[in-house]
Amino acid sequence: MFEDRIDAGTQLADKLMKFKDENVVVLAIPRGGLPLGSIVAKALDAPLDVALSKKIGSPFNKEYAIGAVSMENIVLSDAGRVDKRYIMKETNRIRKKLKERQDQYYKNRSPKDLKDKIVVIVDDGIATGNTILVTVELVDMQKPSKIVVAVPVAPPSTMAKLKDSPLVDEVVCLQTPYNFRAVGQFYEEFYQVSDQEAIRLLEESNAASKSSL
């Protein structure tokens, strides 16, 4: 059990210290991954950026991910019996939201160049792993030297899925409980992170990294 995202981010940063002074970019999954990502980026003295992707919920249970979407690609993991029209409609709806978020997050800057970088993808926890996997595919298209997935908590089945991915070089996870229902159950405090807070964390982190150059 973690006190909050700050506690989880601090513990995660401790496990990632071997990457300090390496050619690293920390990529946080918004919005919940930003508080942890900012802590990890500061500890590693690395720039922070965001990965814009979002799950596609099942038409029968929106919380259950049948896949995930980014601006460029889509991963479907459990959509065999789902109407393709629903998937197309949800993909378009999600990409519209991602475009709005992209315009917010990149108002005053450009995305980080990930070519030949060690990319550490950070989130506050993983359930199915679909959102992380679509992010991994998106990152791999930019030809990084290494992709590391770092999270505080994930179920064993998802850990196995991540480790089986040929695109993931390393997985760092602090807890892998079998009794996994939702990420929030492993936090004493698990508030919803607003876009405003996420943008503030991103801007503060990058201002700090610029001033240290």
Protein backbone atom coordinates (compact mmCIF):
# COMPACT_ATOMS: atom_id res chain seq x y z
CA MET A 1 0.00 0.00 0.00
CA PHE A 2 1.28 3.44 -0.96
CA GLU A 3 0.38 6.62 0.92
CA ASP A 4 -0.15 8.57 -2.29
CA ARG A 5 1.45 9.16 -5.69
CA ILE A 6 4.33 11.08 -4.11
CA ASP A 7 5.20 8.10 -1.91
CA ALA A 8 4.93 5.73 -4.90
CA GLY A 9 7.00 8.03 -7.11
CA THR A 10 9.73 8.33 -4.49
CA GLN A 11 9.98 4.56 -4.06
CA LEU A 12 9.96 4.07 -7.83
CA ALA A 13 12.73 6.64 -8.31
CA ASP A 14 14.92 4.73 -5.83
CA LYS A 15 14.64 1.61 -8.02
CA LEU A 16 15.59 3.55 -11.14
CA MET A 17 18.75 5.28 -9.89
CA LYS A 18 20.96 3.08 -12.09
CA PHE A 19 19.73 5.23 -15.00
CA LYS A 20 20.94 8.49 -13.46
CA ASP A 21 23.45 10.30 -15.69
CA GLU A 22 22.35 8.16 -18.65
CA ASN A 23 20.74 9.58 -21.80
CA VAL A 24 17.19 9.29 -20.39
CA VAL A 25 13.78 10.78 -21.12
CA VAL A 26 11.00 10.08 -18.59
CA LEU A 27 7.64 9.63 -20.31
CA ALA A 28 4.62 9.88 -17.98
CA ILE A 29 1.14 8.58 -18.78
CA PRO A 30 -1.25 11.47 -18.09
CA ARG A 31 -2.74 12.32 -15.92
CA GLY A 32 -2.06 10.02 -12.99
CA GLY A 33 1.50 9.26 -14.08
CA LEU A 34 2.64 12.90 -13.98
CA PRO A 35 3.14 13.21 -10.18
CA LEU A 36 5.32 10.08 -10.24
CA GLY A 37 7.05 10.99 -13.48
CA SER A 38 8.08 14.40 -12.17
CA ILE A 39 9.69 12.78 -9.11
CA VAL A 40 11.49 10.19 -11.23
CA ALA A 41 12.70 12.81 -13.71
CA LYS A 42 14.06 14.99 -10.91
CA ALA A 43 15.85 12.04 -9.28
CA LEU A 44 17.41 10.97 -12.59
CA ASP A 45 18.15 14.56 -13.64
CA ALA A 46 16.24 13.80 -16.85
CA PRO A 47 13.68 15.69 -18.96
CA LEU A 48 9.99 14.83 -18.51
CA ASP A 49 7.44 14.39 -21.27
CA VAL A 50 3.98 12.88 -21.64
CA ALA A 51 2.70 9.88 -23.58
CA LEU A 52 -0.70 10.62 -25.04
CA SER A 53 -2.73 7.40 -25.17
CA LYS A 54 -6.04 6.21 -23.71
CA LYS A 55 -7.86 2.92 -23.26
CA ILE A 56 -10.91 1.82 -25.26
CA GLY A 57 -13.52 0.61 -22.78
CA SER A 58 -15.76 -2.36 -23.48
CA PRO A 59 -19.29 -1.41 -24.62
CA PHE A 60 -20.57 -3.56 -21.74
CA ASN A 61 -18.18 -2.27 -19.07
CA LYS A 62 -16.37 1.00 -19.76
CA GLU A 63 -13.78 0.28 -17.07
CA TYR A 64 -12.66 -2.91 -18.82
CA ALA A 65 -10.10 -2.12 -21.50
CA ILE A 66 -10.42 -3.97 -24.79
CA GLY A 67 -7.58 -1.98 -26.28
CA ALA A 68 -5.97 1.43 -26.34
CA VAL A 69 -5.45 4.30 -28.75
CA SER A 70 -2.79 6.93 -29.40
CA MET A 71 -2.79 9.68 -32.02
CA GLU A 72 -0.92 7.37 -34.39
CA ASN A 73 -1.89 3.77 -33.61
CA ILE A 74 -4.21 1.34 -31.85
CA VAL A 75 -3.78 -1.91 -29.90
CA LEU A 76 -6.73 -4.29 -29.52
CA SER A 77 -6.38 -7.07 -26.97
CA ASP A 78 -9.87 -8.38 -26.25
CA ALA A 79 -12.17 -7.03 -28.93
CA GLY A 80 -13.02 -10.18 -30.88
CA ARG A 81 -16.80 -9.93 -30.46
CA VAL A 82 -17.04 -6.14 -30.30
CA ASP A 83 -18.70 -4.36 -33.22
CA LYS A 84 -16.06 -2.71 -35.43
CA ARG A 85 -18.28 0.35 -35.74
CA TYR A 86 -18.12 0.81 -31.96
CA ILE A 87 -14.32 0.56 -32.04
CA MET A 88 -14.11 3.10 -34.87
CA LYS A 89 -16.49 5.49 -33.09
CA GLU A 90 -14.58 5.21 -29.80
CA THR A 91 -11.23 5.61 -31.57
CA ASN A 92 -12.38 8.85 -33.21
CA ARG A 93 -13.85 10.14 -29.94
CA ILE A 94 -10.69 9.33 -27.97
CA ARG A 95 -8.39 10.85 -30.59
CA LYS A 96 -10.40 14.07 -30.47
CA LYS A 97 -9.78 14.19 -26.70
CA LEU A 98 -6.10 13.33 -27.16
CA LYS A 99 -5.76 16.13 -29.71
CA GLU A 100 -7.23 18.61 -27.20
CA ARG A 101 -4.80 17.36 -24.54
CA GLN A 102 -1.91 17.52 -27.01
CA ASP A 103 -2.75 21.16 -27.74
CA GLN A 104 -2.80 21.89 -23.99
CA TYR A 105 0.40 20.09 -23.09
CA TYR A 106 2.46 21.32 -26.04
CA LYS A 107 1.28 24.91 -26.08
CA ASN A 108 4.73 26.36 -25.42
CA ARG A 109 7.05 23.54 -26.47
CA SER A 110 7.57 20.53 -28.70
CA PRO A 111 7.64 16.82 -27.77
CA LYS A 112 11.02 15.46 -26.71
CA ASP A 113 13.11 13.66 -29.30
CA LEU A 114 13.28 10.01 -28.20
CA LYS A 115 15.74 8.74 -30.84
CA ASP A 116 18.68 6.89 -29.23
CA LYS A 117 17.37 7.71 -25.72
CA ILE A 118 16.61 5.39 -22.81
CA VAL A 119 12.88 6.00 -22.43
CA VAL A 120 11.41 5.31 -18.99
CA ILE A 121 7.60 5.09 -19.25
CA VAL A 122 5.97 5.85 -15.88
CA ASP A 123 2.38 5.43 -14.68
CA ASP A 124 0.73 5.21 -11.25
CA GLY A 125 -0.17 1.56 -11.87
CA ILE A 126 -1.24 -0.85 -14.58
CA ALA A 127 -4.37 -2.99 -14.80
CA THR A 128 -4.56 -4.72 -18.22
CA GLY A 129 -1.41 -3.17 -19.68
CA ASN A 130 -3.11 -2.14 -22.93
CA THR A 131 -2.50 1.58 -22.52
CA ILE A 132 1.18 1.00 -21.73
CA LEU A 133 1.58 -1.38 -24.68
CA VAL A 134 0.17 1.12 -27.19
CA THR A 135 2.53 3.69 -25.70
CA VAL A 136 5.44 1.27 -26.08
CA GLU A 137 4.58 0.79 -29.77
CA LEU A 138 4.39 4.55 -30.24
CA VAL A 139 7.74 5.08 -28.51
CA ASP A 140 9.41 2.27 -30.47
CA MET A 141 8.53 4.05 -33.72
CA GLN A 142 10.90 6.84 -32.62
CA LYS A 143 13.88 4.44 -32.39
CA PRO A 144 14.95 4.77 -28.73
CA SER A 145 17.97 2.82 -27.51
CA LYS A 146 15.95 1.16 -24.73
CA ILE A 147 12.37 1.12 -23.38
CA VAL A 148 11.81 0.68 -19.65
CA VAL A 149 8.31 0.43 -18.11
CA ALA A 150 8.25 1.59 -14.47
CA VAL A 151 5.16 1.41 -12.24
CA PRO A 152 4.42 0.94 -8.53
CA VAL A 153 1.85 -1.83 -8.95
CA ALA A 154 0.49 -4.30 -11.53
CA PRO A 155 -1.05 -7.79 -11.46
CA PRO A 156 1.22 -10.76 -12.29
CA SER A 157 -0.63 -11.48 -15.54
CA THR A 158 0.04 -7.97 -16.81
CA MET A 159 3.68 -8.18 -15.75
CA ALA A 160 4.00 -11.36 -17.81
CA LYS A 161 2.40 -9.62 -20.80
CA LEU A 162 4.85 -6.71 -20.56
CA LYS A 163 7.87 -8.98 -20.16
CA ASP A 164 6.74 -10.98 -23.19
CA SER A 165 6.65 -7.88 -25.37
CA PRO A 166 9.67 -7.81 -27.69
CA LEU A 167 9.60 -4.00 -27.53
CA VAL A 168 10.01 -3.74 -23.73
CA ASP A 169 13.63 -4.07 -22.59
CA GLU A 170 12.99 -3.89 -18.85
CA VAL A 171 10.05 -3.76 -16.43
CA VAL A 172 10.37 -2.21 -12.95
CA CYS A 173 7.39 -2.85 -10.67
CA LEU A 174 7.32 -2.49 -6.88
CA GLN A 175 4.30 -4.71 -6.12
CA THR A 176 2.60 -7.50 -8.09
CA PRO A 177 -0.44 -8.55 -6.00
CA TYR A 178 -2.73 -11.38 -7.14
CA ASN A 179 -5.79 -9.77 -5.58
CA PHE A 180 -5.91 -6.93 -8.08
CA ARG A 181 -9.19 -5.14 -8.82
CA ALA A 182 -8.08 -1.56 -9.55
CA VAL A 183 -4.96 0.58 -9.22
CA GLY A 184 -6.60 2.83 -6.63
CA GLN A 185 -6.99 0.01 -4.09
CA PHE A 186 -3.22 0.12 -3.46
CA TYR A 187 -3.17 3.81 -2.51
CA GLU A 188 -4.42 5.32 0.74
CA GLU A 189 -5.03 8.57 -1.16
CA PHE A 190 -5.83 8.35 -4.88
CA TYR A 191 -7.34 11.63 -6.05
CA GLN A 192 -8.00 12.43 -9.69
CA VAL A 193 -5.17 14.47 -11.22
CA SER A 194 -6.48 17.45 -13.21
CA ASP A 195 -5.10 18.60 -16.55
CA GLN A 196 -4.06 21.83 -14.84
CA GLU A 197 -1.97 19.99 -12.24
CA ALA A 198 -0.48 17.71 -14.89
CA ILE A 199 0.54 20.67 -17.06
CA ARG A 200 2.00 22.48 -14.03
CA LEU A 201 4.10 19.44 -13.08
CA LEU A 202 5.30 19.08 -16.66
CA GLU A 203 6.24 22.76 -16.98
CA GLU A 204 7.94 22.89 -13.55
CA SER A 205 9.96 19.75 -14.29
CA ASN A 206 11.19 21.04 -17.62
CA ALA A 207 11.97 24.50 -16.22
CA ALA A 208 14.09 22.80 -13.53
CA SER A 209 15.90 20.60 -16.08
CA LYS A 210 16.68 23.65 -18.25
CA SER A 211 18.06 25.62 -15.30
CA SER A 212 20.38 22.73 -14.38
CA LEU A 213 22.02 22.70 -17.83
